Amino acid sequence: MNITVKLFAAYQEAYGLPELNLKLSQTKTVKAVLEDLIAEHPELKKWQDVTRFGVNFHFVDPDTLLKDGDELVLIPPVSGG
């Protein structure tokens, strides 16, 4: 199963990329993918509880199951003008 993860703010800074293309061996929830990313970059843990999620242009809950071809967006709080 393949998904695209769009990264913003702290997530983009940690990975140095605007998006990731992930190949998942099994169906995962949005929360499980986030936990995988935090395992790779532990400095992102502080954003875990304040990040919002979008799948295919719709806001979703962390327990939403992802499907092949989905686009997951991680939206941490941002500031600026």
N, C-alpha and C. Protein backbone atom coordinates (compact mmCIF):
# COMPACT_ATOMS: atom_id res chain seq x y z
N MET A 1 0.85 -1.17 0.00
CA MET A 1 0.00 0.00 0.00
C MET A 1 0.90 1.23 0.00
N ASN A 2 0.62 2.17 -0.86
CA ASN A 2 1.41 3.40 -0.97
C ASN A 2 0.57 4.60 -0.57
N ILE A 3 1.18 5.49 0.23
CA ILE A 3 0.53 6.75 0.59
C ILE A 3 1.55 7.88 0.43
N THR A 4 1.04 9.08 0.30
CA THR A 4 1.87 10.28 0.29
C THR A 4 1.59 11.03 1.58
N VAL A 5 2.65 11.48 2.24
CA VAL A 5 2.52 12.27 3.47
C VAL A 5 3.06 13.67 3.18
N LYS A 6 2.20 14.66 3.24
CA LYS A 6 2.59 16.05 3.06
C LYS A 6 3.05 16.59 4.41
N LEU A 7 4.21 17.22 4.42
CA LEU A 7 4.82 17.71 5.65
C LEU A 7 4.83 19.23 5.68
N PHE A 8 4.51 19.80 6.84
CA PHE A 8 4.54 21.24 7.03
C PHE A 8 5.28 21.57 8.31
N ALA A 9 5.78 22.78 8.38
CA ALA A 9 6.41 23.35 9.58
C ALA A 9 7.45 22.40 10.17
N ALA A 10 7.30 22.03 11.44
CA ALA A 10 8.31 21.22 12.14
C ALA A 10 8.55 19.88 11.45
N TYR A 11 7.52 19.29 10.88
CA TYR A 11 7.69 18.00 10.19
C TYR A 11 8.57 18.17 8.96
N GLN A 12 8.33 19.22 8.21
CA GLN A 12 9.13 19.47 7.02
C GLN A 12 10.59 19.80 7.40
N GLU A 13 10.76 20.54 8.49
CA GLU A 13 12.11 20.87 8.95
C GLU A 13 12.86 19.60 9.37
N ALA A 14 12.19 18.70 10.06
CA ALA A 14 12.84 17.48 10.54
C ALA A 14 13.28 16.59 9.38
N TYR A 15 12.43 16.46 8.38
CA TYR A 15 12.73 15.57 7.26
C TYR A 15 13.48 16.26 6.12
N GLY A 16 13.42 17.59 6.07
CA GLY A 16 14.08 18.32 5.00
C GLY A 16 13.41 18.12 3.65
N LEU A 17 12.15 17.71 3.68
CA LEU A 17 11.38 17.44 2.46
C LEU A 17 9.96 17.94 2.63
N PRO A 18 9.30 18.31 1.54
CA PRO A 18 7.90 18.73 1.65
C PRO A 18 6.91 17.56 1.70
N GLU A 19 7.36 16.38 1.26
CA GLU A 19 6.47 15.22 1.30
C GLU A 19 7.28 13.93 1.30
N LEU A 20 6.63 12.88 1.79
CA LEU A 20 7.21 11.54 1.81
C LEU A 20 6.29 10.61 1.04
N ASN A 21 6.86 9.68 0.32
CA ASN A 21 6.09 8.62 -0.31
C ASN A 21 6.40 7.35 0.47
N LEU A 22 5.39 6.83 1.17
CA LEU A 22 5.59 5.68 2.03
C LEU A 22 4.93 4.44 1.45
N LYS A 23 5.61 3.34 1.57
CA LYS A 23 5.06 2.04 1.20
C LYS A 23 4.78 1.31 2.51
N LEU A 24 3.52 1.05 2.78
CA LEU A 24 3.12 0.39 4.03
C LEU A 24 2.83 -1.08 3.75
N SER A 25 3.30 -1.94 4.64
CA SER A 25 3.09 -3.38 4.46
C SER A 25 1.72 -3.82 4.93
N GLN A 26 1.05 -2.94 5.67
CA GLN A 26 -0.29 -3.27 6.18
C GLN A 26 -1.10 -1.99 6.33
N THR A 27 -2.40 -2.13 6.48
CA THR A 27 -3.26 -0.98 6.71
C THR A 27 -2.90 -0.36 8.05
N LYS A 28 -2.78 0.96 8.07
CA LYS A 28 -2.45 1.67 9.31
C LYS A 28 -3.41 2.83 9.49
N THR A 29 -3.50 3.26 10.74
CA THR A 29 -4.25 4.48 11.04
C THR A 29 -3.34 5.68 10.85
N VAL A 30 -3.96 6.84 10.77
CA VAL A 30 -3.21 8.09 10.70
C VAL A 30 -2.27 8.18 11.90
N LYS A 31 -2.78 7.86 13.07
CA LYS A 31 -1.98 7.93 14.30
C LYS A 31 -0.77 7.00 14.23
N ALA A 32 -0.92 5.81 13.69
CA ALA A 32 0.18 4.86 13.58
C ALA A 32 1.27 5.38 12.66
N VAL A 33 0.89 6.02 11.56
CA VAL A 33 1.88 6.60 10.65
C VAL A 33 2.63 7.73 11.38
N LEU A 34 1.90 8.58 12.09
CA LEU A 34 2.54 9.64 12.85
C LEU A 34 3.53 9.06 13.86
N GLU A 35 3.14 8.01 14.55
CA GLU A 35 4.04 7.37 15.53
C GLU A 35 5.30 6.84 14.85
N ASP A 36 5.16 6.29 13.64
CA ASP A 36 6.33 5.82 12.89
C ASP A 36 7.27 6.98 12.56
N LEU A 37 6.70 8.10 12.16
CA LEU A 37 7.52 9.26 11.82
C LEU A 37 8.23 9.82 13.05
N ILE A 38 7.53 9.82 14.18
CA ILE A 38 8.13 10.29 15.43
C ILE A 38 9.24 9.35 15.88
N ALA A 39 9.08 8.07 15.63
CA ALA A 39 10.14 7.11 15.97
C ALA A 39 11.42 7.42 15.19
N GLU A 40 11.28 7.89 13.95
CA GLU A 40 12.44 8.26 13.14
C GLU A 40 13.03 9.61 13.56
N HIS A 41 12.18 10.51 14.04
CA HIS A 41 12.60 11.85 14.45
C HIS A 41 11.95 12.18 15.80
N PRO A 42 12.53 11.69 16.90
CA PRO A 42 11.93 11.87 18.24
C PRO A 42 11.67 13.33 18.62
N GLU A 43 12.39 14.26 18.01
CA GLU A 43 12.16 15.68 18.32
C GLU A 43 10.75 16.13 17.94
N LEU A 44 10.05 15.35 17.15
CA LEU A 44 8.69 15.70 16.73
C LEU A 44 7.63 15.33 17.77
N LYS A 45 8.01 14.57 18.78
CA LYS A 45 7.04 14.10 19.78
C LYS A 45 6.27 15.26 20.41
N LYS A 46 6.93 16.40 20.62
CA LYS A 46 6.25 17.53 21.27
C LYS A 46 5.08 18.06 20.45
N TRP A 47 5.04 17.73 19.17
CA TRP A 47 3.95 18.20 18.30
C TRP A 47 2.82 17.18 18.15
N GLN A 48 3.02 16.00 18.69
CA GLN A 48 2.07 14.90 18.50
C GLN A 48 0.64 15.25 18.92
N ASP A 49 0.47 15.85 20.08
CA ASP A 49 -0.88 16.09 20.60
C ASP A 49 -1.56 17.33 20.02
N VAL A 50 -0.82 18.14 19.27
CA VAL A 50 -1.42 19.36 18.72
C VAL A 50 -1.48 19.36 17.19
N THR A 51 -1.12 18.25 16.60
CA THR A 51 -1.16 18.13 15.14
C THR A 51 -2.56 17.75 14.68
N ARG A 52 -3.01 18.41 13.63
CA ARG A 52 -4.28 18.03 12.98
C ARG A 52 -3.93 17.23 11.74
N PHE A 53 -4.92 16.49 11.26
CA PHE A 53 -4.68 15.57 10.15
C PHE A 53 -5.71 15.78 9.05
N GLY A 54 -5.24 15.65 7.83
CA GLY A 54 -6.13 15.67 6.68
C GLY A 54 -5.83 14.46 5.81
N VAL A 55 -6.87 13.87 5.26
CA VAL A 55 -6.71 12.79 4.29
C VAL A 55 -7.56 13.16 3.09
N ASN A 56 -6.88 13.27 1.95
CA ASN A 56 -7.57 13.59 0.70
C ASN A 56 -8.44 14.83 0.83
N PHE A 57 -7.87 15.90 1.43
CA PHE A 57 -8.50 17.21 1.55
C PHE A 57 -9.66 17.28 2.55
N HIS A 58 -9.73 16.32 3.49
CA HIS A 58 -10.74 16.35 4.54
C HIS A 58 -10.05 16.17 5.88
N PHE A 59 -10.44 16.98 6.88
CA PHE A 59 -9.91 16.78 8.22
C PHE A 59 -10.43 15.45 8.75
N VAL A 60 -9.55 14.70 9.44
CA VAL A 60 -9.93 13.38 9.95
C VAL A 60 -9.41 13.20 11.37
N ASP A 61 -9.95 12.17 12.04
CA ASP A 61 -9.50 11.79 13.37
C ASP A 61 -8.25 10.92 13.26
N PRO A 62 -7.45 10.87 14.33
CA PRO A 62 -6.23 10.05 14.30
C PRO A 62 -6.49 8.57 14.08
N ASP A 63 -7.68 8.09 14.38
CA ASP A 63 -7.99 6.66 14.23
C ASP A 63 -8.47 6.29 12.82
N THR A 64 -8.45 7.23 11.90
CA THR A 64 -8.87 6.98 10.52
C THR A 64 -7.91 6.00 9.85
N LEU A 65 -8.47 4.96 9.23
CA LEU A 65 -7.66 3.99 8.50
C LEU A 65 -7.30 4.56 7.13
N LEU A 66 -6.04 4.39 6.76
CA LEU A 66 -5.57 4.85 5.46
C LEU A 66 -5.76 3.77 4.41
N LYS A 67 -5.98 4.22 3.16
CA LYS A 67 -6.14 3.30 2.04
C LYS A 67 -5.05 3.58 1.01
N ASP A 68 -4.82 2.62 0.14
CA ASP A 68 -3.83 2.77 -0.91
C ASP A 68 -4.11 4.04 -1.72
N GLY A 69 -3.07 4.83 -1.93
CA GLY A 69 -3.20 6.05 -2.73
C GLY A 69 -3.60 7.28 -1.94
N ASP A 70 -3.87 7.14 -0.65
CA ASP A 70 -4.29 8.29 0.15
C ASP A 70 -3.17 9.32 0.27
N GLU A 71 -3.59 10.58 0.45
CA GLU A 71 -2.66 11.66 0.74
C GLU A 71 -2.95 12.13 2.17
N LEU A 72 -1.99 11.92 3.04
CA LEU A 72 -2.09 12.31 4.44
C LEU A 72 -1.35 13.61 4.64
N VAL A 73 -1.99 14.59 5.28
CA VAL A 73 -1.36 15.86 5.56
C VAL A 73 -1.24 16.01 7.07
N LEU A 74 -0.03 16.34 7.52
CA LEU A 74 0.22 16.59 8.95
C LEU A 74 0.30 18.09 9.15
N ILE A 75 -0.58 18.62 10.00
CA ILE A 75 -0.70 20.06 10.17
C ILE A 75 -0.45 20.44 11.62
N PRO A 76 0.80 20.77 11.96
CA PRO A 76 1.09 21.25 13.31
C PRO A 76 0.70 22.73 13.41
N PRO A 77 0.63 23.25 14.62
CA PRO A 77 0.36 24.69 14.74
C PRO A 77 1.48 25.48 14.07
N VAL A 78 1.10 26.56 13.41
CA VAL A 78 2.09 27.42 12.76
C VAL A 78 1.82 28.86 13.17
N SER A 79 2.83 29.68 13.11
CA SER A 79 2.64 31.10 13.40
C SER A 79 3.26 31.90 12.28
N GLY A 80 2.97 33.14 12.29
CA GLY A 80 3.53 34.01 11.26
C GLY A 80 2.44 34.82 10.60
N GLY A 81 2.82 35.60 9.66
CA GLY A 81 1.82 36.44 9.04
C GLY A 81 2.03 36.61 7.58
